[in-house]
Amino acid sequence: MATDTEQLTAIRSLALQRIAEITATPKPNYSIDGQQVAWADYLRQLQATVDWCNERLADLGPFEIRTRGVSE
């Protein structure tokens, strides 16, 4: 089973790939058989997914806590 980091990285990569595809050949919003397709909204959702993955990956990464002792 993949680790959290691997899963988040894969999700982020797929979202970035889809963003590249959408922006390479932009399409207008349309309605077909009563179903609305809003490409701009879809693009925003993908960008939010990338941002979310970036935040989670930053949370999982190594971190440093600095403390300072004070003598009384």
Protein backbone atom coordinates (compact mmCIF):
# COMPACT_ATOMS: atom_id res chain seq x y z
CA MET A 1 0.00 0.00 0.00
CA ALA A 2 1.23 3.47 -0.86
CA THR A 3 2.20 5.89 1.87
CA ASP A 4 0.31 9.13 2.44
CA THR A 5 3.13 11.05 0.80
CA GLU A 6 3.04 8.82 -2.27
CA GLN A 7 -0.74 9.11 -2.57
CA LEU A 8 -0.71 12.90 -2.20
CA THR A 9 2.10 13.18 -4.74
CA ALA A 10 0.18 11.00 -7.20
CA ILE A 11 -3.05 13.01 -6.75
CA ARG A 12 -1.11 16.27 -7.21
CA SER A 13 0.61 14.94 -10.35
CA LEU A 14 -2.68 13.82 -11.90
CA ALA A 15 -4.32 17.17 -11.15
CA LEU A 16 -1.36 19.05 -12.66
CA GLN A 17 -1.47 16.83 -15.74
CA ARG A 18 -5.19 17.52 -16.19
CA ILE A 19 -4.61 21.28 -15.72
CA ALA A 20 -1.97 21.16 -18.47
CA GLU A 21 -4.40 19.35 -20.80
CA ILE A 22 -7.25 21.77 -20.12
CA THR A 23 -5.17 24.92 -20.52
CA ALA A 24 -3.50 23.63 -23.70
CA THR A 25 -6.89 23.48 -25.47
CA PRO A 26 -9.35 25.70 -23.58
CA LYS A 27 -13.03 24.94 -24.07
CA PRO A 28 -16.14 27.04 -23.46
CA ASN A 29 -18.81 26.19 -20.91
CA TYR A 30 -21.75 24.32 -22.42
CA SER A 31 -24.89 22.35 -21.72
CA ILE A 32 -25.69 18.99 -23.27
CA ASP A 33 -28.73 16.86 -22.53
CA GLY A 34 -29.45 19.00 -19.48
CA GLN A 35 -25.95 18.54 -18.05
CA GLN A 36 -23.87 21.67 -17.53
CA VAL A 37 -20.13 21.57 -18.18
CA ALA A 38 -18.26 24.51 -16.67
CA TRP A 39 -14.58 24.22 -17.60
CA ALA A 40 -13.53 27.28 -15.58
CA ASP A 41 -15.09 25.78 -12.43
CA TYR A 42 -13.40 22.45 -13.13
CA LEU A 43 -10.05 24.20 -13.56
CA ARG A 44 -10.54 26.02 -10.23
CA GLN A 45 -11.33 22.71 -8.52
CA LEU A 46 -8.16 21.14 -9.92
CA GLN A 47 -6.10 24.12 -8.78
CA ALA A 48 -7.65 23.84 -5.30
CA THR A 49 -6.73 20.14 -5.28
CA VAL A 50 -3.11 20.98 -6.07
CA ASP A 51 -3.05 23.62 -3.32
CA TRP A 52 -4.58 21.16 -0.85
CA CYS A 53 -2.00 18.50 -1.75
CA ASN A 54 0.81 21.02 -1.35
CA GLU A 55 -0.43 21.92 2.14
CA ARG A 56 -0.74 18.27 3.21
CA LEU A 57 2.71 17.43 1.80
CA ALA A 58 4.21 20.37 3.68
CA ASP A 59 2.56 19.09 6.88
CA LEU A 60 4.08 15.62 6.35
CA GLY A 61 7.57 16.89 5.62
CA PRO A 62 10.34 17.27 8.15
CA PHE A 63 10.11 20.28 10.40
CA GLU A 64 12.21 22.01 13.00
CA ILE A 65 11.11 23.46 16.31
CA ARG A 66 13.35 26.10 17.81
CA THR A 67 13.21 26.81 21.50
CA ARG A 68 15.14 29.16 23.68
CA GLY A 69 15.78 28.75 27.34
CA VAL A 70 15.55 31.74 29.63
CA SER A 71 17.29 31.73 32.99
CA GLU A 72 15.55 33.43 35.84
